[in-house]
Amino acid sequence: MIVVVDVGNTSIKLAVMQQQEPLLLYRTDSNGLQPRLTDIKEKYPDIATVAICAVGKMDAAFRQVLEQYFTEIFELRPTMHLPFTNTYQSETIGMDRLALMAGAQQLRKEQQAVLVIDAGTCITYDLLNKDNQYLGGAISPGLRLRYESLHNFTARLPLLEKENVEDFIGKTTASSMHSGVINGATQEIQGVINQYKERFDHLEIFITGGDADLLVKQLKNRFFATPFLMLQGIEQLYNFNHNL
């Protein structure tokens, strides 16, 4: 049993993980980190290890907070051991993408190719082939970034909150924007899935991230959102490195 921390672009997720299952889960920001850690330690006082994945560099203040509660801090780094072969040709790959690969590898039903779609601040696509090689993928703007771009780079378009699209033909400015953002992202994802299916047989697909539930409702593919994939991947990478 360990605590897993996922520091994303917009929020922080904390979870008590045991054998790929979250026993306790919080979503917070940097101001709420310490109270949530206090809650966790009150409920699970024997936990001594925290595994953390940060999209940016973890600063000293953040680490000092963690050191108040845990004796072992495992931070995902480019030099860590991976349970798959990383063929990505850039050292700047986000640790979150590697964690998603580890989670998908653990959860896939058979030794087959798996595509992970993470619908968060950005929409990322990552592919692990049947030979256990991480090949890379793609990065595009997420829903919030698309709404903000429409608002920030035009004179009169409002800043909208995401919502389901009933018809792709917008009859108002707002419904046209929703169609452009939600339907546009849906068609992008559907097109990317079709591209991968043409190249990789028996492709298994996982979709995760904060916008996954909304987008799954719009997609025609028969798959479900996997809300804990990142947390499961962080735990898997800790276990893999800890047991070497």
C-alpha atoms as a PDB file:
ATOM      1  CA  MET A   1       0.000   0.000   0.000  1.00  0.00           C
ATOM      2  CA  ILE A   2       1.422   3.363  -1.077  1.00  0.00           C
ATOM      3  CA  VAL A   3       0.277   6.912  -1.705  1.00  0.00           C
ATOM      4  CA  VAL A   4       0.356   7.980  -5.343  1.00  0.00           C
ATOM      5  CA  VAL A   5       0.446  11.650  -6.381  1.00  0.00           C
ATOM      6  CA  ASP A   6      -0.303  12.834  -9.906  1.00  0.00           C
ATOM      7  CA  VAL A   7       0.624  16.501 -10.343  1.00  0.00           C
ATOM      8  CA  GLY A   8      -1.085  17.639 -13.530  1.00  0.00           C
ATOM      9  CA  ASN A   9      -1.360  20.964 -15.311  1.00  0.00           C
ATOM     10  CA  THR A  10      -4.622  21.942 -13.610  1.00  0.00           C
ATOM     11  CA  SER A  11      -4.917  19.850 -10.442  1.00  0.00           C
ATOM     12  CA  ILE A  12      -3.281  17.328  -8.129  1.00  0.00           C
ATOM     13  CA  LYS A  13      -4.651  13.826  -7.588  1.00  0.00           C
ATOM     14  CA  LEU A  14      -3.748  11.869  -4.474  1.00  0.00           C
ATOM     15  CA  ALA A  15      -4.698   8.256  -3.922  1.00  0.00           C
ATOM     16  CA  VAL A  16      -4.007   5.431  -1.541  1.00  0.00           C
ATOM     17  CA  MET A  17      -3.291   2.527  -3.902  1.00  0.00           C
ATOM     18  CA  GLN A  18      -3.271  -1.182  -3.175  1.00  0.00           C
ATOM     19  CA  GLN A  19      -2.828  -3.712  -5.980  1.00  0.00           C
ATOM     20  CA  GLN A  20      -4.001  -1.299  -8.686  1.00  0.00           C
ATOM     21  CA  GLU A  21      -7.107  -0.217  -6.770  1.00  0.00           C
ATOM     22  CA  PRO A  22      -7.612   3.257  -5.220  1.00  0.00           C
ATOM     23  CA  LEU A  23      -8.771   2.898  -1.619  1.00  0.00           C
ATOM     24  CA  LEU A  24      -8.982   6.656  -1.112  1.00  0.00           C
ATOM     25  CA  LEU A  25      -8.885   9.409  -3.736  1.00  0.00           C
ATOM     26  CA  TYR A  26      -8.631  13.203  -3.580  1.00  0.00           C
ATOM     27  CA  ARG A  27      -8.401  15.936  -6.201  1.00  0.00           C
ATOM     28  CA  THR A  28      -6.939  19.206  -4.942  1.00  0.00           C
ATOM     29  CA  ASP A  29      -4.525  22.051  -5.699  1.00  0.00           C
ATOM     30  CA  SER A  30      -1.202  23.011  -4.099  1.00  0.00           C
ATOM     31  CA  ASN A  31      -2.991  24.827  -1.252  1.00  0.00           C
ATOM     32  CA  GLY A  32      -5.016  21.757  -0.388  1.00  0.00           C
ATOM     33  CA  LEU A  33      -2.142  19.287  -0.582  1.00  0.00           C
ATOM     34  CA  GLN A  34      -1.126  19.308   3.070  1.00  0.00           C
ATOM     35  CA  PRO A  35      -4.648  18.927   4.526  1.00  0.00           C
ATOM     36  CA  ARG A  36      -5.293  15.987   2.177  1.00  0.00           C
ATOM     37  CA  LEU A  37      -2.021  14.333   3.177  1.00  0.00           C
ATOM     38  CA  THR A  38      -2.989  14.782   6.827  1.00  0.00           C
ATOM     39  CA  ASP A  39      -6.319  13.065   6.128  1.00  0.00           C
ATOM     40  CA  ILE A  40      -4.549  10.174   4.425  1.00  0.00           C
ATOM     41  CA  LYS A  41      -2.059   9.661   7.247  1.00  0.00           C
ATOM     42  CA  GLU A  42      -4.824   9.764   9.840  1.00  0.00           C
ATOM     43  CA  LYS A  43      -6.652   6.980   7.998  1.00  0.00           C
ATOM     44  CA  TYR A  44      -3.536   5.013   6.991  1.00  0.00           C
ATOM     45  CA  PRO A  45      -0.789   5.904   9.505  1.00  0.00           C
ATOM     46  CA  ASP A  46       1.508   3.027   8.488  1.00  0.00           C
ATOM     47  CA  ILE A  47       2.018   4.147   4.900  1.00  0.00           C
ATOM     48  CA  ALA A  48       5.632   5.244   4.505  1.00  0.00           C
ATOM     49  CA  THR A  49       5.991   5.551   0.715  1.00  0.00           C
ATOM     50  CA  VAL A  50       4.751   8.097  -1.795  1.00  0.00           C
ATOM     51  CA  ALA A  51       5.202   7.741  -5.553  1.00  0.00           C
ATOM     52  CA  ILE A  52       4.852  10.952  -7.534  1.00  0.00           C
ATOM     53  CA  CYS A  53       4.512  11.891 -11.183  1.00  0.00           C
ATOM     54  CA  ALA A  54       4.800  15.593 -12.016  1.00  0.00           C
ATOM     55  CA  VAL A  55       4.379  17.052 -15.503  1.00  0.00           C
ATOM     56  CA  GLY A  56       6.897  19.718 -14.486  1.00  0.00           C
ATOM     57  CA  LYS A  57       9.847  19.652 -12.113  1.00  0.00           C
ATOM     58  CA  MET A  58       8.891  19.057  -8.475  1.00  0.00           C
ATOM     59  CA  ASP A  59      10.147  22.083  -6.537  1.00  0.00           C
ATOM     60  CA  ALA A  60      11.846  22.000  -3.133  1.00  0.00           C
ATOM     61  CA  ALA A  61       8.778  23.258  -1.234  1.00  0.00           C
ATOM     62  CA  PHE A  62       6.628  20.472  -2.642  1.00  0.00           C
ATOM     63  CA  ARG A  63       9.207  17.860  -1.688  1.00  0.00           C
ATOM     64  CA  GLN A  64       9.512  19.302   1.821  1.00  0.00           C
ATOM     65  CA  VAL A  65       5.777  18.849   2.329  1.00  0.00           C
ATOM     66  CA  LEU A  66       6.006  15.209   1.267  1.00  0.00           C
ATOM     67  CA  GLU A  67       9.002  14.613   3.535  1.00  0.00           C
ATOM     68  CA  GLN A  68       6.862  15.572   6.535  1.00  0.00           C
ATOM     69  CA  TYR A  69       4.638  12.566   5.910  1.00  0.00           C
ATOM     70  CA  PHE A  70       6.718   9.878   4.185  1.00  0.00           C
ATOM     71  CA  THR A  71      10.120   8.293   4.653  1.00  0.00           C
ATOM     72  CA  GLU A  72      10.417   7.153   1.029  1.00  0.00           C
ATOM     73  CA  ILE A  73       9.725   9.420  -1.961  1.00  0.00           C
ATOM     74  CA  PHE A  74       9.791   7.775  -5.382  1.00  0.00           C
ATOM     75  CA  GLU A  75       9.669  10.326  -8.204  1.00  0.00           C
ATOM     76  CA  LEU A  76       9.191   9.226 -11.796  1.00  0.00           C
ATOM     77  CA  ARG A  77      12.314  10.201 -13.750  1.00  0.00           C
ATOM     78  CA  PRO A  78      13.720   9.550 -17.256  1.00  0.00           C
ATOM     79  CA  THR A  79      16.418   7.317 -15.708  1.00  0.00           C
ATOM     80  CA  MET A  80      13.984   4.929 -14.011  1.00  0.00           C
ATOM     81  CA  HIS A  81      13.586   1.350 -15.219  1.00  0.00           C
ATOM     82  CA  LEU A  82      10.585   0.645 -17.435  1.00  0.00           C
ATOM     83  CA  PRO A  83       8.617  -2.592 -17.918  1.00  0.00           C
ATOM     84  CA  PHE A  84       8.673  -1.949 -21.683  1.00  0.00           C
ATOM     85  CA  THR A  85      11.164  -0.718 -24.282  1.00  0.00           C
ATOM     86  CA  ASN A  86      11.094   3.038 -24.819  1.00  0.00           C
ATOM     87  CA  THR A  87      11.855   3.891 -28.464  1.00  0.00           C
ATOM     88  CA  TYR A  88      10.827   7.556 -28.164  1.00  0.00           C
ATOM     89  CA  GLN A  89      13.526   9.718 -29.726  1.00  0.00           C
ATOM     90  CA  SER A  90      13.391  12.661 -27.353  1.00  0.00           C
ATOM     91  CA  GLU A  91      14.502  13.046 -23.747  1.00  0.00           C
ATOM     92  CA  THR A  92      11.739  15.568 -23.077  1.00  0.00           C
ATOM     93  CA  ILE A  93       8.949  13.003 -22.961  1.00  0.00           C
ATOM     94  CA  GLY A  94       6.558  13.611 -20.081  1.00  0.00           C
ATOM     95  CA  MET A  95       6.673  11.144 -17.236  1.00  0.00           C
ATOM     96  CA  ASP A  96       2.877  11.100 -17.321  1.00  0.00           C
ATOM     97  CA  ARG A  97       2.935   9.468 -20.751  1.00  0.00           C
ATOM     98  CA  LEU A  98       5.276   6.733 -19.509  1.00  0.00           C
ATOM     99  CA  ALA A  99       3.039   6.176 -16.488  1.00  0.00           C
ATOM    100  CA  LEU A 100       0.025   5.768 -18.764  1.00  0.00           C
ATOM    101  CA  MET A 101       1.944   3.190 -20.799  1.00  0.00           C
ATOM    102  CA  ALA A 102       2.799   1.251 -17.658  1.00  0.00           C
ATOM    103  CA  GLY A 103      -0.819   1.308 -16.542  1.00  0.00           C
ATOM    104  CA  ALA A 104      -2.082   0.162 -19.931  1.00  0.00           C
ATOM    105  CA  GLN A 105       0.502  -2.624 -20.119  1.00  0.00           C
ATOM    106  CA  GLN A 106      -0.676  -3.913 -16.757  1.00  0.00           C
ATOM    107  CA  LEU A 107      -4.371  -3.795 -17.693  1.00  0.00           C
ATOM    108  CA  ARG A 108      -4.399  -5.004 -21.294  1.00  0.00           C
ATOM    109  CA  LYS A 109      -6.090  -8.361 -21.725  1.00  0.00           C
ATOM    110  CA  GLU A 110      -3.602  -9.951 -24.097  1.00  0.00           C
ATOM    111  CA  GLN A 111      -0.154  -9.352 -25.559  1.00  0.00           C
ATOM    112  CA  GLN A 112      -1.451  -6.945 -28.201  1.00  0.00           C
ATOM    113  CA  ALA A 113      -1.049  -3.336 -29.243  1.00  0.00           C
ATOM    114  CA  VAL A 114      -2.678  -0.760 -26.984  1.00  0.00           C
ATOM    115  CA  LEU A 115      -3.529   2.878 -27.696  1.00  0.00           C
ATOM    116  CA  VAL A 116      -3.895   5.238 -24.726  1.00  0.00           C
ATOM    117  CA  ILE A 117      -5.826   8.472 -25.202  1.00  0.00           C
ATOM    118  CA  ASP A 118      -5.457  10.968 -22.358  1.00  0.00           C
ATOM    119  CA  ALA A 119      -8.070  13.730 -22.618  1.00  0.00           C
ATOM    120  CA  GLY A 120      -6.806  16.377 -20.237  1.00  0.00           C
ATOM    121  CA  THR A 121      -5.272  19.813 -20.717  1.00  0.00           C
ATOM    122  CA  CYS A 122      -3.848  18.303 -23.882  1.00  0.00           C
ATOM    123  CA  ILE A 123      -5.151  15.269 -25.739  1.00  0.00           C
ATOM    124  CA  THR A 124      -2.299  12.798 -26.018  1.00  0.00           C
ATOM    125  CA  TYR A 125      -2.122   9.570 -27.982  1.00  0.00           C
ATOM    126  CA  ASP A 126       0.423   6.907 -27.040  1.00  0.00           C
ATOM    127  CA  LEU A 127       1.030   3.488 -28.555  1.00  0.00           C
ATOM    128  CA  LEU A 128       2.510   0.341 -27.032  1.00  0.00           C
ATOM    129  CA  ASN A 129       2.883  -2.385 -29.649  1.00  0.00           C
ATOM    130  CA  LYS A 130       2.484  -6.134 -29.159  1.00  0.00           C
ATOM    131  CA  ASP A 131       6.272  -6.481 -28.791  1.00  0.00           C
ATOM    132  CA  ASN A 132       6.167  -4.282 -25.679  1.00  0.00           C
ATOM    133  CA  GLN A 133       7.733  -1.280 -27.385  1.00  0.00           C
ATOM    134  CA  TYR A 134       6.534   2.251 -26.678  1.00  0.00           C
ATOM    135  CA  LEU A 135       6.534   3.981 -30.065  1.00  0.00           C
ATOM    136  CA  GLY A 136       5.249   7.471 -29.220  1.00  0.00           C
ATOM    137  CA  GLY A 137       2.094   9.125 -30.508  1.00  0.00           C
ATOM    138  CA  ALA A 138       0.682  12.640 -30.767  1.00  0.00           C
ATOM    139  CA  ILE A 139      -0.228  15.726 -28.724  1.00  0.00           C
ATOM    140  CA  SER A 140      -3.040  18.163 -29.518  1.00  0.00           C
ATOM    141  CA  PRO A 141      -4.966  20.849 -27.575  1.00  0.00           C
ATOM    142  CA  GLY A 142      -7.530  19.628 -25.076  1.00  0.00           C
ATOM    143  CA  LEU A 143     -11.098  20.880 -24.791  1.00  0.00           C
ATOM    144  CA  ARG A 144     -10.330  23.699 -22.375  1.00  0.00           C
ATOM    145  CA  LEU A 145      -7.485  24.981 -24.535  1.00  0.00           C
ATOM    146  CA  ARG A 146      -9.776  24.981 -27.571  1.00  0.00           C
ATOM    147  CA  TYR A 147     -12.451  26.980 -25.782  1.00  0.00           C
ATOM    148  CA  GLU A 148      -9.854  29.423 -24.454  1.00  0.00           C
ATOM    149  CA  SER A 149      -8.314  29.858 -27.904  1.00  0.00           C
ATOM    150  CA  LEU A 150     -11.682  30.774 -29.411  1.00  0.00           C
ATOM    151  CA  HIS A 151     -12.223  33.343 -26.674  1.00  0.00           C
ATOM    152  CA  ASN A 152      -8.695  34.756 -26.402  1.00  0.00           C
ATOM    153  CA  PHE A 153      -7.929  35.128 -30.098  1.00  0.00           C
ATOM    154  CA  THR A 154     -11.225  36.606 -31.271  1.00  0.00           C
ATOM    155  CA  ALA A 155     -12.962  39.873 -30.451  1.00  0.00           C
ATOM    156  CA  ARG A 156     -16.429  38.695 -29.447  1.00  0.00           C
ATOM    157  CA  LEU A 157     -16.580  34.957 -28.845  1.00  0.00           C
ATOM    158  CA  PRO A 158     -17.380  34.125 -25.196  1.00  0.00           C
ATOM    159  CA  LEU A 159     -15.510  31.743 -22.936  1.00  0.00           C
ATOM    160  CA  LEU A 160     -17.769  28.699 -22.575  1.00  0.00           C
ATOM    161  CA  GLU A 161     -17.774  25.661 -20.327  1.00  0.00           C
ATOM    162  CA  LYS A 162     -17.766  22.261 -22.010  1.00  0.00           C
ATOM    163  CA  GLU A 163     -21.054  20.427 -22.487  1.00  0.00           C
ATOM    164  CA  ASN A 164     -22.509  17.570 -24.535  1.00  0.00           C
ATOM    165  CA  VAL A 165     -23.353  18.262 -28.164  1.00  0.00           C
ATOM    166  CA  GLU A 166     -26.778  17.037 -29.302  1.00  0.00           C
ATOM    167  CA  ASP A 167     -26.400  18.090 -32.961  1.00  0.00           C
ATOM    168  CA  PHE A 168     -23.276  18.941 -34.904  1.00  0.00           C
ATOM    169  CA  ILE A 169     -25.115  21.782 -36.664  1.00  0.00           C
ATOM    170  CA  GLY A 170     -24.932  24.759 -34.301  1.00  0.00           C
ATOM    171  CA  LYS A 171     -27.868  27.148 -34.478  1.00  0.00           C
ATOM    172  CA  THR A 172     -26.447  29.779 -32.113  1.00  0.00           C
ATOM    173  CA  THR A 173     -22.979  31.152 -31.511  1.00  0.00           C
ATOM    174  CA  ALA A 174     -22.651  29.063 -28.355  1.00  0.00           C
ATOM    175  CA  SER A 175     -23.917  25.833 -29.924  1.00  0.00           C
ATOM    176  CA  SER A 176     -21.657  26.424 -32.931  1.00  0.00           C
ATOM    177  CA  MET A 177     -18.679  26.779 -30.606  1.00  0.00           C
ATOM    178  CA  HIS A 178     -19.631  23.646 -28.683  1.00  0.00           C
ATOM    179  CA  SER A 179     -19.953  21.754 -31.951  1.00  0.00           C
ATOM    180  CA  GLY A 180     -16.592  23.034 -33.135  1.00  0.00           C
ATOM    181  CA  VAL A 181     -14.834  22.095 -29.909  1.00  0.00           C
ATOM    182  CA  ILE A 182     -16.597  18.890 -28.797  1.00  0.00           C
ATOM    183  CA  ASN A 183     -17.510  17.493 -32.197  1.00  0.00           C
ATOM    184  CA  GLY A 184     -14.160  18.615 -33.580  1.00  0.00           C
ATOM    185  CA  ALA A 185     -12.237  16.816 -30.828  1.00  0.00           C
ATOM    186  CA  THR A 186     -14.462  13.752 -31.191  1.00  0.00           C
ATOM    187  CA  GLN A 187     -13.854  13.556 -34.931  1.00  0.00           C
ATOM    188  CA  GLU A 188     -10.127  14.014 -34.338  1.00  0.00           C
ATOM    189  CA  ILE A 189     -10.050  11.139 -31.849  1.00  0.00           C
ATOM    190  CA  GLN A 190     -12.164   8.931 -34.097  1.00  0.00           C
ATOM    191  CA  GLY A 191      -9.864   9.653 -37.026  1.00  0.00           C
ATOM    192  CA  VAL A 192      -6.735   8.930 -35.010  1.00  0.00           C
ATOM    193  CA  ILE A 193      -8.207   5.649 -33.758  1.00  0.00           C
ATOM    194  CA  ASN A 194      -8.974   4.633 -37.343  1.00  0.00           C
ATOM    195  CA  GLN A 195      -5.394   5.436 -38.387  1.00  0.00           C
ATOM    196  CA  TYR A 196      -3.967   3.247 -35.654  1.00  0.00           C
ATOM    197  CA  LYS A 197      -6.394   0.422 -36.396  1.00  0.00           C
ATOM    198  CA  GLU A 198      -5.225   0.360 -40.010  1.00  0.00           C
ATOM    199  CA  ARG A 199      -1.655  -0.282 -38.893  1.00  0.00           C
ATOM    200  CA  PHE A 200      -2.102  -2.378 -35.736  1.00  0.00           C
ATOM    201  CA  ASP A 201      -4.329  -5.456 -35.604  1.00  0.00           C
ATOM    202  CA  HIS A 202      -6.505  -6.214 -32.568  1.00  0.00           C
ATOM    203  CA  LEU A 203      -5.848  -2.798 -31.066  1.00  0.00           C
ATOM    204  CA  GLU A 204      -6.988  -2.316 -27.469  1.00  0.00           C
ATOM    205  CA  ILE A 205      -7.962   1.252 -26.568  1.00  0.00           C
ATOM    206  CA  PHE A 206      -7.923   3.033 -23.210  1.00  0.00           C
ATOM    207  CA  ILE A 207      -9.225   6.578 -22.785  1.00  0.00           C
ATOM    208  CA  THR A 208      -8.574   8.490 -19.584  1.00  0.00           C
ATOM    209  CA  GLY A 209      -8.291  12.050 -18.290  1.00  0.00           C
ATOM    210  CA  GLY A 210     -10.696  14.677 -17.032  1.00  0.00           C
ATOM    211  CA  ASP A 211     -12.659  14.979 -20.296  1.00  0.00           C
ATOM    212  CA  ALA A 212     -12.809  11.246 -21.028  1.00  0.00           C
ATOM    213  CA  ASP A 213     -16.385  10.660 -19.847  1.00  0.00           C
ATOM    214  CA  LEU A 214     -17.773  13.475 -22.006  1.00  0.00           C
ATOM    215  CA  LEU A 215     -15.873  12.393 -25.101  1.00  0.00           C
ATOM    216  CA  VAL A 216     -16.752   8.715 -24.728  1.00  0.00           C
ATOM    217  CA  LYS A 217     -20.436   9.664 -24.961  1.00  0.00           C
ATOM    218  CA  GLN A 218     -19.727  11.261 -28.343  1.00  0.00           C
ATOM    219  CA  LEU A 219     -17.556   8.464 -29.763  1.00  0.00           C
ATOM    220  CA  LYS A 220     -18.869   5.480 -31.707  1.00  0.00           C
ATOM    221  CA  ASN A 221     -16.194   3.050 -30.554  1.00  0.00           C
ATOM    222  CA  ARG A 222     -17.147   0.506 -27.928  1.00  0.00           C
ATOM    223  CA  PHE A 223     -14.775   1.227 -25.102  1.00  0.00           C
ATOM    224  CA  PHE A 224     -14.991   2.816 -21.692  1.00  0.00           C
ATOM    225  CA  ALA A 225     -13.165   5.537 -19.847  1.00  0.00           C
ATOM    226  CA  THR A 226     -10.412   4.305 -17.531  1.00  0.00           C
ATOM    227  CA  PRO A 227     -10.321   6.997 -14.826  1.00  0.00           C
ATOM    228  CA  PHE A 228      -7.492   5.577 -12.690  1.00  0.00           C
ATOM    229  CA  LEU A 229      -5.031   4.630 -15.442  1.00  0.00           C
ATOM    230  CA  MET A 230      -2.459   7.272 -14.483  1.00  0.00           C
ATOM    231  CA  LEU A 231      -2.562   6.315 -10.802  1.00  0.00           C
ATOM    232  CA  GLN A 232      -2.313   2.631 -11.676  1.00  0.00           C
ATOM    233  CA  GLY A 233       0.656   3.338 -13.929  1.00  0.00           C
ATOM    234  CA  ILE A 234       2.519   5.279 -11.250  1.00  0.00           C
ATOM    235  CA  GLU A 235       1.988   2.425  -8.797  1.00  0.00           C
ATOM    236  CA  GLN A 236       3.128  -0.082 -11.425  1.00  0.00           C
ATOM    237  CA  LEU A 237       6.350   1.859 -12.100  1.00  0.00           C
ATOM    238  CA  TYR A 238       7.085   2.081  -8.391  1.00  0.00           C
ATOM    239  CA  ASN A 239       6.559  -1.674  -7.951  1.00  0.00           C
ATOM    240  CA  PHE A 240       8.661  -2.487 -11.002  1.00  0.00           C
ATOM    241  CA  ASN A 241      11.612  -0.380  -9.825  1.00  0.00           C
ATOM    242  CA  HIS A 242      11.228  -1.399  -6.184  1.00  0.00           C
ATOM    243  CA  ASN A 243      11.356  -5.119  -6.990  1.00  0.00           C
ATOM    244  CA  LEU A 244      14.473  -5.031  -9.185  1.00  0.00           C
END
